[in-house]
Amino acid sequence: MRNDKVFPIITLCGSSKQKADYEHWHKTLTLQGNCVLGISIYYGVENPNYNEENDTKKLLEAIHRQKIRMADEVVFIMKPDGTLGKHSTEELEYAKSLGKEIRYVYSVVGYE
């Protein structure tokens, strides 16, 4: 059976150190009937030089900005203390500059 329904596109944003939260919200938002775009590489978890600017990090940031442009809504996962990190704040400003609908969700797992 073919289903031609168009599902809202949501892009998840937040610290790439929050892998468990990304997985939780990706699943939750998908089961609510959304097409969810998130990060594919948890750079903050997988790379010991997370804060170092390099070509890989620049590539991942550019791809994620394209996902923001594609989104109907951008959902930001707040850190356990209720804040956003530097890069997430930059993504928030970018999403706002594009007139994207913004929503905030909160860490359910947390991270170190």
PDB file of N, CA and C in Angstrom:
ATOM      1  N   MET A   1       0.840  -1.178   0.000  1.00  0.00           N
ATOM      2  CA  MET A   1       0.000   0.000   0.000  1.00  0.00           C
ATOM      3  C   MET A   1       0.886   1.242   0.000  1.00  0.00           C
ATOM      4  N   ARG A   2       0.600   2.140  -0.873  1.00  0.00           N
ATOM      5  CA  ARG A   2       1.380   3.365  -0.997  1.00  0.00           C
ATOM      6  C   ARG A   2       0.739   4.478  -0.180  1.00  0.00           C
ATOM      7  N   ASN A   3       1.549   5.191   0.564  1.00  0.00           N
ATOM      8  CA  ASN A   3       1.070   6.304   1.366  1.00  0.00           C
ATOM      9  C   ASN A   3       1.759   7.561   0.863  1.00  0.00           C
ATOM     10  N   ASP A   4       0.988   8.465   0.268  1.00  0.00           N
ATOM     11  CA  ASP A   4       1.553   9.694  -0.280  1.00  0.00           C
ATOM     12  C   ASP A   4       1.445  10.879   0.671  1.00  0.00           C
ATOM     13  N   LYS A   5       1.181  10.611   1.939  1.00  0.00           N
ATOM     14  CA  LYS A   5       1.081  11.690   2.910  1.00  0.00           C
ATOM     15  C   LYS A   5       2.419  12.418   3.008  1.00  0.00           C
ATOM     16  N   VAL A   6       2.366  13.715   3.149  1.00  0.00           N
ATOM     17  CA  VAL A   6       3.566  14.517   3.337  1.00  0.00           C
ATOM     18  C   VAL A   6       3.705  14.802   4.832  1.00  0.00           C
ATOM     19  N   PHE A   7       4.815  14.390   5.382  1.00  0.00           N
ATOM     20  CA  PHE A   7       5.059  14.566   6.810  1.00  0.00           C
ATOM     21  C   PHE A   7       5.916  15.806   7.045  1.00  0.00           C
ATOM     22  N   PRO A   8       5.649  16.545   8.130  1.00  0.00           N
ATOM     23  CA  PRO A   8       6.478  17.708   8.437  1.00  0.00           C
ATOM     24  C   PRO A   8       7.940  17.296   8.620  1.00  0.00           C
ATOM     25  N   ILE A   9       8.839  18.145   8.143  1.00  0.00           N
ATOM     26  CA  ILE A   9      10.270  17.889   8.310  1.00  0.00           C
ATOM     27  C   ILE A   9      10.756  18.669   9.523  1.00  0.00           C
ATOM     28  N   ILE A  10      11.358  17.947  10.452  1.00  0.00           N
ATOM     29  CA  ILE A  10      11.932  18.553  11.654  1.00  0.00           C
ATOM     30  C   ILE A  10      13.426  18.289  11.653  1.00  0.00           C
ATOM     31  N   THR A  11      14.204  19.328  11.911  1.00  0.00           N
ATOM     32  CA  THR A  11      15.641  19.156  12.102  1.00  0.00           C
ATOM     33  C   THR A  11      15.945  19.318  13.580  1.00  0.00           C
ATOM     34  N   LEU A  12      16.635  18.336  14.140  1.00  0.00           N
ATOM     35  CA  LEU A  12      17.061  18.377  15.532  1.00  0.00           C
ATOM     36  C   LEU A  12      18.400  19.079  15.652  1.00  0.00           C
ATOM     37  N   CYS A  13      18.519  19.949  16.639  1.00  0.00           N
ATOM     38  CA  CYS A  13      19.773  20.637  16.919  1.00  0.00           C
ATOM     39  C   CYS A  13      20.081  20.512  18.405  1.00  0.00           C
ATOM     40  N   GLY A  14      21.353  20.495  18.720  1.00  0.00           N
ATOM     41  CA  GLY A  14      21.797  20.416  20.104  1.00  0.00           C
ATOM     42  C   GLY A  14      23.241  19.969  20.123  1.00  0.00           C
ATOM     43  N   SER A  15      23.784  19.804  21.297  1.00  0.00           N
ATOM     44  CA  SER A  15      25.171  19.387  21.431  1.00  0.00           C
ATOM     45  C   SER A  15      25.355  17.971  20.905  1.00  0.00           C
ATOM     46  N   SER A  16      26.409  17.775  20.113  1.00  0.00           N
ATOM     47  CA  SER A  16      26.687  16.427  19.610  1.00  0.00           C
ATOM     48  C   SER A  16      27.235  15.520  20.709  1.00  0.00           C
ATOM     49  N   LYS A  17      27.358  16.055  21.915  1.00  0.00           N
ATOM     50  CA  LYS A  17      27.715  15.227  23.071  1.00  0.00           C
ATOM     51  C   LYS A  17      26.473  14.562  23.660  1.00  0.00           C
ATOM     52  N   GLN A  18      25.282  14.963  23.207  1.00  0.00           N
ATOM     53  CA  GLN A  18      24.019  14.472  23.742  1.00  0.00           C
ATOM     54  C   GLN A  18      23.447  13.319  22.904  1.00  0.00           C
ATOM     55  N   LYS A  19      24.244  12.315  22.610  1.00  0.00           N
ATOM     56  CA  LYS A  19      23.837  11.234  21.721  1.00  0.00           C
ATOM     57  C   LYS A  19      22.548  10.558  22.188  1.00  0.00           C
ATOM     58  N   ALA A  20      22.447  10.240  23.453  1.00  0.00           N
ATOM     59  CA  ALA A  20      21.254   9.545  23.956  1.00  0.00           C
ATOM     60  C   ALA A  20      20.012  10.426  23.831  1.00  0.00           C
ATOM     61  N   ASP A  21      20.162  11.725  24.061  1.00  0.00           N
ATOM     62  CA  ASP A  21      19.024  12.636  23.898  1.00  0.00           C
ATOM     63  C   ASP A  21      18.614  12.741  22.439  1.00  0.00           C
ATOM     64  N   TYR A  22      19.590  12.820  21.524  1.00  0.00           N
ATOM     65  CA  TYR A  22      19.264  12.844  20.098  1.00  0.00           C
ATOM     66  C   TYR A  22      18.467  11.601  19.720  1.00  0.00           C
ATOM     67  N   GLU A  23      18.930  10.438  20.176  1.00  0.00           N
ATOM     68  CA  GLU A  23      18.244   9.197  19.839  1.00  0.00           C
ATOM     69  C   GLU A  23      16.824   9.190  20.404  1.00  0.00           C
ATOM     70  N   HIS A  24      16.664   9.637  21.636  1.00  0.00           N
ATOM     71  CA  HIS A  24      15.336   9.686  22.262  1.00  0.00           C
ATOM     72  C   HIS A  24      14.397  10.593  21.471  1.00  0.00           C
ATOM     73  N   TRP A  25      14.832  11.827  21.188  1.00  0.00           N
ATOM     74  CA  TRP A  25      13.958  12.789  20.512  1.00  0.00           C
ATOM     75  C   TRP A  25      13.731  12.424  19.052  1.00  0.00           C
ATOM     76  N   HIS A  26      14.717  11.821  18.401  1.00  0.00           N
ATOM     77  CA  HIS A  26      14.532  11.373  17.019  1.00  0.00           C
ATOM     78  C   HIS A  26      13.410  10.341  16.960  1.00  0.00           C
ATOM     79  N   LYS A  27      13.464   9.384  17.854  1.00  0.00           N
ATOM     80  CA  LYS A  27      12.428   8.338  17.911  1.00  0.00           C
ATOM     81  C   LYS A  27      11.071   8.930  18.280  1.00  0.00           C
ATOM     82  N   THR A  28      11.028   9.751  19.310  1.00  0.00           N
ATOM     83  CA  THR A  28       9.769  10.337  19.786  1.00  0.00           C
ATOM     84  C   THR A  28       9.102  11.173  18.697  1.00  0.00           C
ATOM     85  N   LEU A  29       9.864  12.051  18.063  1.00  0.00           N
ATOM     86  CA  LEU A  29       9.296  12.932  17.035  1.00  0.00           C
ATOM     87  C   LEU A  29       8.890  12.150  15.787  1.00  0.00           C
ATOM     88  N   THR A  30       9.635  11.103  15.454  1.00  0.00           N
ATOM     89  CA  THR A  30       9.268  10.256  14.318  1.00  0.00           C
ATOM     90  C   THR A  30       7.943   9.561  14.586  1.00  0.00           C
ATOM     91  N   LEU A  31       7.776   9.008  15.773  1.00  0.00           N
ATOM     92  CA  LEU A  31       6.532   8.307  16.113  1.00  0.00           C
ATOM     93  C   LEU A  31       5.344   9.252  16.244  1.00  0.00           C
ATOM     94  N   GLN A  32       5.615  10.551  16.328  1.00  0.00           N
ATOM     95  CA  GLN A  32       4.547  11.554  16.322  1.00  0.00           C
ATOM     96  C   GLN A  32       4.164  11.947  14.894  1.00  0.00           C
ATOM     97  N   GLY A  33       4.806  11.312  13.892  1.00  0.00           N
ATOM     98  CA  GLY A  33       4.440  11.556  12.502  1.00  0.00           C
ATOM     99  C   GLY A  33       5.265  12.609  11.793  1.00  0.00           C
ATOM    100  N   ASN A  34       6.517  12.728  12.147  1.00  0.00           N
ATOM    101  CA  ASN A  34       7.404  13.700  11.524  1.00  0.00           C
ATOM    102  C   ASN A  34       8.549  13.004  10.794  1.00  0.00           C
ATOM    103  N   CYS A  35       9.051  13.656   9.767  1.00  0.00           N
ATOM    104  CA  CYS A  35      10.265  13.225   9.094  1.00  0.00           C
ATOM    105  C   CYS A  35      11.398  13.973   9.797  1.00  0.00           C
ATOM    106  N   VAL A  36      12.231  13.260  10.541  1.00  0.00           N
ATOM    107  CA  VAL A  36      13.211  13.904  11.413  1.00  0.00           C
ATOM    108  C   VAL A  36      14.613  13.811  10.823  1.00  0.00           C
ATOM    109  N   LEU A  37      15.258  14.967  10.735  1.00  0.00           N
ATOM    110  CA  LEU A  37      16.655  15.049  10.305  1.00  0.00           C
ATOM    111  C   LEU A  37      17.498  15.385  11.526  1.00  0.00           C
ATOM    112  N   GLY A  38      18.562  14.665  11.712  1.00  0.00           N
ATOM    113  CA  GLY A  38      19.440  14.932  12.845  1.00  0.00           C
ATOM    114  C   GLY A  38      20.880  14.825  12.412  1.00  0.00           C
ATOM    115  N   ILE A  39      21.738  14.703  13.376  1.00  0.00           N
ATOM    116  CA  ILE A  39      23.145  14.536  13.050  1.00  0.00           C
ATOM    117  C   ILE A  39      23.428  13.053  12.827  1.00  0.00           C
ATOM    118  N   SER A  40      24.379  12.778  11.983  1.00  0.00           N
ATOM    119  CA  SER A  40      24.747  11.397  11.668  1.00  0.00           C
ATOM    120  C   SER A  40      26.012  10.977  12.401  1.00  0.00           C
ATOM    121  N   ILE A  41      26.816  11.954  12.765  1.00  0.00           N
ATOM    122  CA  ILE A  41      28.071  11.695  13.457  1.00  0.00           C
ATOM    123  C   ILE A  41      28.048  12.503  14.751  1.00  0.00           C
ATOM    124  N   TYR A  42      28.220  11.830  15.863  1.00  0.00           N
ATOM    125  CA  TYR A  42      28.225  12.496  17.163  1.00  0.00           C
ATOM    126  C   TYR A  42      29.649  12.972  17.442  1.00  0.00           C
ATOM    127  N   TYR A  43      29.994  14.060  16.778  1.00  0.00           N
ATOM    128  CA  TYR A  43      31.362  14.570  16.766  1.00  0.00           C
ATOM    129  C   TYR A  43      31.873  14.876  18.168  1.00  0.00           C
ATOM    130  N   GLY A  44      31.014  15.390  19.035  1.00  0.00           N
ATOM    131  CA  GLY A  44      31.419  15.716  20.398  1.00  0.00           C
ATOM    132  C   GLY A  44      31.747  14.495  21.230  1.00  0.00           C
ATOM    133  N   VAL A  45      31.175  13.355  20.877  1.00  0.00           N
ATOM    134  CA  VAL A  45      31.436  12.103  21.580  1.00  0.00           C
ATOM    135  C   VAL A  45      32.613  11.373  20.935  1.00  0.00           C
ATOM    136  N   GLU A  46      32.661  11.396  19.623  1.00  0.00           N
ATOM    137  CA  GLU A  46      33.610  10.575  18.877  1.00  0.00           C
ATOM    138  C   GLU A  46      34.969  11.227  18.651  1.00  0.00           C
ATOM    139  N   ASN A  47      35.084  12.522  18.861  1.00  0.00           N
ATOM    140  CA  ASN A  47      36.322  13.211  18.545  1.00  0.00           C
ATOM    141  C   ASN A  47      36.896  13.889  19.780  1.00  0.00           C
ATOM    142  N   PRO A  48      38.077  13.463  20.211  1.00  0.00           N
ATOM    143  CA  PRO A  48      38.677  14.079  21.405  1.00  0.00           C
ATOM    144  C   PRO A  48      39.065  15.540  21.199  1.00  0.00           C
ATOM    145  N   ASN A  49      39.200  15.975  19.946  1.00  0.00           N
ATOM    146  CA  ASN A  49      39.552  17.363  19.640  1.00  0.00           C
ATOM    147  C   ASN A  49      38.316  18.132  19.180  1.00  0.00           C
ATOM    148  N   TYR A  50      37.220  17.935  19.875  1.00  0.00           N
ATOM    149  CA  TYR A  50      35.911  18.473  19.487  1.00  0.00           C
ATOM    150  C   TYR A  50      35.932  19.969  19.183  1.00  0.00           C
ATOM    151  N   ASN A  51      36.607  20.742  19.977  1.00  0.00           N
ATOM    152  CA  ASN A  51      36.578  22.200  19.808  1.00  0.00           C
ATOM    153  C   ASN A  51      37.551  22.717  18.757  1.00  0.00           C
ATOM    154  N   GLU A  52      38.368  21.846  18.226  1.00  0.00           N
ATOM    155  CA  GLU A  52      39.343  22.243  17.219  1.00  0.00           C
ATOM    156  C   GLU A  52      38.668  22.366  15.852  1.00  0.00           C
ATOM    157  N   GLU A  53      38.837  23.509  15.197  1.00  0.00           N
ATOM    158  CA  GLU A  53      38.270  23.697  13.861  1.00  0.00           C
ATOM    159  C   GLU A  53      39.088  22.892  12.859  1.00  0.00           C
ATOM    160  N   ASN A  54      38.402  22.125  12.024  1.00  0.00           N
ATOM    161  CA  ASN A  54      39.082  21.375  10.975  1.00  0.00           C
ATOM    162  C   ASN A  54      38.096  21.153   9.834  1.00  0.00           C
ATOM    163  N   ASP A  55      38.568  20.565   8.750  1.00  0.00           N
ATOM    164  CA  ASP A  55      37.729  20.399   7.569  1.00  0.00           C
ATOM    165  C   ASP A  55      36.520  19.512   7.839  1.00  0.00           C
ATOM    166  N   THR A  56      36.693  18.463   8.647  1.00  0.00           N
ATOM    167  CA  THR A  56      35.576  17.569   8.945  1.00  0.00           C
ATOM    168  C   THR A  56      34.494  18.301   9.714  1.00  0.00           C
ATOM    169  N   LYS A  57      34.891  19.048  10.711  1.00  0.00           N
ATOM    170  CA  LYS A  57      33.916  19.792  11.508  1.00  0.00           C
ATOM    171  C   LYS A  57      33.189  20.822  10.645  1.00  0.00           C
ATOM    172  N   LYS A  58      33.907  21.509   9.772  1.00  0.00           N
ATOM    173  CA  LYS A  58      33.287  22.492   8.880  1.00  0.00           C
ATOM    174  C   LYS A  58      32.300  21.822   7.927  1.00  0.00           C
ATOM    175  N   LEU A  59      32.658  20.651   7.421  1.00  0.00           N
ATOM    176  CA  LEU A  59      31.761  19.905   6.538  1.00  0.00           C
ATOM    177  C   LEU A  59      30.476  19.522   7.269  1.00  0.00           C
ATOM    178  N   LEU A  60      30.613  18.979   8.480  1.00  0.00           N
ATOM    179  CA  LEU A  60      29.431  18.567   9.250  1.00  0.00           C
ATOM    180  C   LEU A  60      28.538  19.754   9.578  1.00  0.00           C
ATOM    181  N   GLU A  61      29.134  20.886   9.906  1.00  0.00           N
ATOM    182  CA  GLU A  61      28.346  22.088  10.195  1.00  0.00           C
ATOM    183  C   GLU A  61      27.603  22.567   8.953  1.00  0.00           C
ATOM    184  N   ALA A  62      28.245  22.526   7.784  1.00  0.00           N
ATOM    185  CA  ALA A  62      27.594  22.953   6.542  1.00  0.00           C
ATOM    186  C   ALA A  62      26.430  22.030   6.186  1.00  0.00           C
ATOM    187  N   ILE A  63      26.622  20.740   6.356  1.00  0.00           N
ATOM    188  CA  ILE A  63      25.539  19.788   6.097  1.00  0.00           C
ATOM    189  C   ILE A  63      24.378  20.033   7.049  1.00  0.00           C
ATOM    190  N   HIS A  64      24.682  20.296   8.317  1.00  0.00           N
ATOM    191  CA  HIS A  64      23.608  20.511   9.288  1.00  0.00           C
ATOM    192  C   HIS A  64      22.840  21.798   8.981  1.00  0.00           C
ATOM    193  N   ARG A  65      23.525  22.810   8.507  1.00  0.00           N
ATOM    194  CA  ARG A  65      22.818  24.040   8.110  1.00  0.00           C
ATOM    195  C   ARG A  65      21.885  23.779   6.933  1.00  0.00           C
ATOM    196  N   GLN A  66      22.289  22.896   6.026  1.00  0.00           N
ATOM    197  CA  GLN A  66      21.380  22.537   4.931  1.00  0.00           C
ATOM    198  C   GLN A  66      20.143  21.841   5.494  1.00  0.00           C
ATOM    199  N   LYS A  67      20.324  21.002   6.501  1.00  0.00           N
ATOM    200  CA  LYS A  67      19.178  20.336   7.124  1.00  0.00           C
ATOM    201  C   LYS A  67      18.256  21.368   7.777  1.00  0.00           C
ATOM    202  N   ILE A  68      18.818  22.416   8.347  1.00  0.00           N
ATOM    203  CA  ILE A  68      18.006  23.498   8.919  1.00  0.00           C
ATOM    204  C   ILE A  68      17.217  24.181   7.806  1.00  0.00           C
ATOM    205  N   ARG A  69      17.855  24.435   6.677  1.00  0.00           N
ATOM    206  CA  ARG A  69      17.154  25.080   5.559  1.00  0.00           C
ATOM    207  C   ARG A  69      16.018  24.207   5.038  1.00  0.00           C
ATOM    208  N   MET A  70      16.186  22.914   5.081  1.00  0.00           N
ATOM    209  CA  MET A  70      15.175  21.978   4.577  1.00  0.00           C
ATOM    210  C   MET A  70      13.974  21.837   5.526  1.00  0.00           C
ATOM    211  N   ALA A  71      14.138  22.210   6.763  1.00  0.00           N
ATOM    212  CA  ALA A  71      13.148  21.927   7.799  1.00  0.00           C
ATOM    213  C   ALA A  71      11.937  22.847   7.760  1.00  0.00           C
ATOM    214  N   ASP A  72      10.792  22.277   8.140  1.00  0.00           N
ATOM    215  CA  ASP A  72       9.603  23.067   8.426  1.00  0.00           C
ATOM    216  C   ASP A  72       9.699  23.633   9.840  1.00  0.00           C
ATOM    217  N   GLU A  73      10.341  22.874  10.715  1.00  0.00           N
ATOM    218  CA  GLU A  73      10.494  23.256  12.120  1.00  0.00           C
ATOM    219  C   GLU A  73      11.864  22.790  12.589  1.00  0.00           C
ATOM    220  N   VAL A  74      12.493  23.589  13.455  1.00  0.00           N
ATOM    221  CA  VAL A  74      13.782  23.221  14.020  1.00  0.00           C
ATOM    222  C   VAL A  74      13.586  23.048  15.522  1.00  0.00           C
ATOM    223  N   VAL A  75      13.966  21.877  16.010  1.00  0.00           N
ATOM    224  CA  VAL A  75      13.792  21.539  17.424  1.00  0.00           C
ATOM    225  C   VAL A  75      15.165  21.518  18.085  1.00  0.00           C
ATOM    226  N   PHE A  76      15.303  22.295  19.140  1.00  0.00           N
ATOM    227  CA  PHE A  76      16.556  22.390  19.874  1.00  0.00           C
ATOM    228  C   PHE A  76      16.462  21.601  21.164  1.00  0.00           C
ATOM    229  N   ILE A  77      17.435  20.715  21.351  1.00  0.00           N
ATOM    230  CA  ILE A  77      17.520  19.935  22.586  1.00  0.00           C
ATOM    231  C   ILE A  77      18.358  20.734  23.571  1.00  0.00           C
ATOM    232  N   MET A  78      17.722  21.178  24.630  1.00  0.00           N
ATOM    233  CA  MET A  78      18.413  21.957  25.643  1.00  0.00           C
ATOM    234  C   MET A  78      19.322  21.045  26.464  1.00  0.00           C
ATOM    235  N   LYS A  79      20.449  21.571  26.912  1.00  0.00           N
ATOM    236  CA  LYS A  79      21.341  20.810  27.779  1.00  0.00           C
ATOM    237  C   LYS A  79      20.641  20.606  29.128  1.00  0.00           C
ATOM    238  N   PRO A  80      21.146  19.677  29.945  1.00  0.00           N
ATOM    239  CA  PRO A  80      20.500  19.414  31.236  1.00  0.00           C
ATOM    240  C   PRO A  80      20.303  20.646  32.111  1.00  0.00           C
ATOM    241  N   ASP A  81      21.161  21.655  31.944  1.00  0.00           N
ATOM    242  CA  ASP A  81      21.017  22.877  32.744  1.00  0.00           C
ATOM    243  C   ASP A  81      20.077  23.894  32.095  1.00  0.00           C
ATOM    244  N   GLY A  82      19.425  23.490  30.982  1.00  0.00           N
ATOM    245  CA  GLY A  82      18.449  24.358  30.331  1.00  0.00           C
ATOM    246  C   GLY A  82      19.039  25.389  29.382  1.00  0.00           C
ATOM    247  N   THR A  83      20.283  25.202  28.985  1.00  0.00           N
ATOM    248  CA  THR A  83      20.930  26.149  28.083  1.00  0.00           C
ATOM    249  C   THR A  83      21.291  25.460  26.761  1.00  0.00           C
ATOM    250  N   LEU A  84      21.755  26.267  25.829  1.00  0.00           N
ATOM    251  CA  LEU A  84      22.301  25.769  24.569  1.00  0.00           C
ATOM    252  C   LEU A  84      23.778  26.127  24.530  1.00  0.00           C
ATOM    253  N   GLY A  85      24.565  25.285  23.883  1.00  0.00           N
ATOM    254  CA  GLY A  85      25.979  25.575  23.710  1.00  0.00           C
ATOM    255  C   GLY A  85      26.211  26.603  22.615  1.00  0.00           C
ATOM    256  N   LYS A  86      27.466  26.943  22.407  1.00  0.00           N
ATOM    257  CA  LYS A  86      27.860  27.976  21.440  1.00  0.00           C
ATOM    258  C   LYS A  86      27.368  27.656  20.031  1.00  0.00           C
ATOM    259  N   HIS A  87      27.647  26.457  19.533  1.00  0.00           N
ATOM    260  CA  HIS A  87      27.258  26.117  18.173  1.00  0.00           C
ATOM    261  C   HIS A  87      25.743  26.007  18.029  1.00  0.00           C
ATOM    262  N   SER A  88      25.075  25.472  19.047  1.00  0.00           N
ATOM    263  CA  SER A  88      23.615  25.384  18.990  1.00  0.00           C
ATOM    264  C   SER A  88      22.991  26.771  18.988  1.00  0.00           C
ATOM    265  N   THR A  89      23.570  27.695  19.737  1.00  0.00           N
ATOM    266  CA  THR A  89      23.085  29.072  19.750  1.00  0.00           C
ATOM    267  C   THR A  89      23.260  29.708  18.373  1.00  0.00           C
ATOM    268  N   GLU A  90      24.385  29.422  17.715  1.00  0.00           N
ATOM    269  CA  GLU A  90      24.596  29.917  16.355  1.00  0.00           C
ATOM    270  C   GLU A  90      23.559  29.324  15.404  1.00  0.00           C
ATOM    271  N   GLU A  91      23.250  28.027  15.567  1.00  0.00           N
ATOM    272  CA  GLU A  91      22.232  27.385  14.730  1.00  0.00           C
ATOM    273  C   GLU A  91      20.855  27.982  14.994  1.00  0.00           C
ATOM    274  N   LEU A  92      20.566  28.316  16.253  1.00  0.00           N
ATOM    275  CA  LEU A  92      19.299  28.945  16.603  1.00  0.00           C
ATOM    276  C   LEU A  92      19.163  30.287  15.895  1.00  0.00           C
ATOM    277  N   GLU A  93      20.204  31.095  15.926  1.00  0.00           N
ATOM    278  CA  GLU A  93      20.166  32.393  15.251  1.00  0.00           C
ATOM    279  C   GLU A  93      19.996  32.210  13.746  1.00  0.00           C
ATOM    280  N   TYR A  94      20.651  31.198  13.194  1.00  0.00           N
ATOM    281  CA  TYR A  94      20.534  30.917  11.763  1.00  0.00           C
ATOM    282  C   TYR A  94      19.099  30.521  11.425  1.00  0.00           C
ATOM    283  N   ALA A  95      18.524  29.618  12.205  1.00  0.00           N
ATOM    284  CA  ALA A  95      17.142  29.175  11.967  1.00  0.00           C
ATOM    285  C   ALA A  95      16.179  30.355  12.076  1.00  0.00           C
ATOM    286  N   LYS A  96      16.382  31.213  13.059  1.00  0.00           N
ATOM    287  CA  LYS A  96      15.533  32.400  13.212  1.00  0.00           C
ATOM    288  C   LYS A  96      15.662  33.325  12.010  1.00  0.00           C
ATOM    289  N   SER A  97      16.896  33.483  11.501  1.00  0.00           N
ATOM    290  CA  SER A  97      17.110  34.373  10.354  1.00  0.00           C
ATOM    291  C   SER A  97      16.388  33.862   9.108  1.00  0.00           C
ATOM    292  N   LEU A  98      16.120  32.568   9.060  1.00  0.00           N
ATOM    293  CA  LEU A  98      15.392  31.967   7.939  1.00  0.00           C
ATOM    294  C   LEU A  98      13.883  31.946   8.179  1.00  0.00           C
ATOM    295  N   GLY A  99      13.465  32.401   9.357  1.00  0.00           N
ATOM    296  CA  GLY A  99      12.044  32.407   9.682  1.00  0.00           C
ATOM    297  C   GLY A  99      11.483  31.035  10.017  1.00  0.00           C
ATOM    298  N   LYS A 100      12.358  30.131  10.443  1.00  0.00           N
ATOM    299  CA  LYS A 100      11.909  28.778  10.771  1.00  0.00           C
ATOM    300  C   LYS A 100      11.125  28.760  12.071  1.00  0.00           C
ATOM    301  N   GLU A 101      10.158  27.849  12.139  1.00  0.00           N
ATOM    302  CA  GLU A 101       9.453  27.616  13.396  1.00  0.00           C
ATOM    303  C   GLU A 101      10.433  26.928  14.342  1.00  0.00           C
ATOM    304  N   ILE A 102      10.471  27.398  15.580  1.00  0.00           N
ATOM    305  CA  ILE A 102      11.431  26.913  16.570  1.00  0.00           C
ATOM    306  C   ILE A 102      10.677  26.268  17.734  1.00  0.00           C
ATOM    307  N   ARG A 103      11.208  25.161  18.215  1.00  0.00           N
ATOM    308  CA  ARG A 103      10.669  24.524  19.415  1.00  0.00           C
ATOM    309  C   ARG A 103      11.844  24.061  20.264  1.00  0.00           C
ATOM    310  N   TYR A 104      11.639  24.041  21.583  1.00  0.00           N
ATOM    311  CA  TYR A 104      12.666  23.589  22.514  1.00  0.00           C
ATOM    312  C   TYR A 104      12.158  22.355  23.233  1.00  0.00           C
ATOM    313  N   VAL A 105      13.036  21.366  23.356  1.00  0.00           N
ATOM    314  CA  VAL A 105      12.763  20.185  24.164  1.00  0.00           C
ATOM    315  C   VAL A 105      13.923  20.066  25.129  1.00  0.00           C
ATOM    316  N   TYR A 106      13.750  19.230  26.118  1.00  0.00           N
ATOM    317  CA  TYR A 106      14.754  19.174  27.168  1.00  0.00           C
ATOM    318  C   TYR A 106      15.415  17.806  27.246  1.00  0.00           C
ATOM    319  N   SER A 107      16.631  17.839  27.725  1.00  0.00           N
ATOM    320  CA  SER A 107      17.403  16.615  27.918  1.00  0.00           C
ATOM    321  C   SER A 107      16.627  15.671  28.820  1.00  0.00           C
ATOM    322  N   VAL A 108      16.491  14.438  28.382  1.00  0.00           N
ATOM    323  CA  VAL A 108      15.832  13.423  29.209  1.00  0.00           C
ATOM    324  C   VAL A 108      16.866  12.464  29.765  1.00  0.00           C
ATOM    325  N   VAL A 109      18.059  12.528  29.204  1.00  0.00           N
ATOM    326  CA  VAL A 109      19.118  11.604  29.607  1.00  0.00           C
ATOM    327  C   VAL A 109      20.293  12.352  30.216  1.00  0.00           C
ATOM    328  N   GLY A 110      20.620  13.473  29.616  1.00  0.00           N
ATOM    329  CA  GLY A 110      21.785  14.246  30.058  1.00  0.00           C
ATOM    330  C   GLY A 110      23.054  13.717  29.435  1.00  0.00           C
ATOM    331  N   TYR A 111      24.147  14.372  29.709  1.00  0.00           N
ATOM    332  CA  TYR A 111      25.450  13.949  29.204  1.00  0.00           C
ATOM    333  C   TYR A 111      26.519  14.500  30.101  1.00  0.00           C
ATOM    334  N   GLU A 112      27.707  13.978  29.916  1.00  0.00           N
ATOM    335  CA  GLU A 112      28.843  14.431  30.737  1.00  0.00           C
ATOM    336  C   GLU A 112      29.696  15.409  29.992  1.00  0.00           C
TER     337      GLU A 112
END
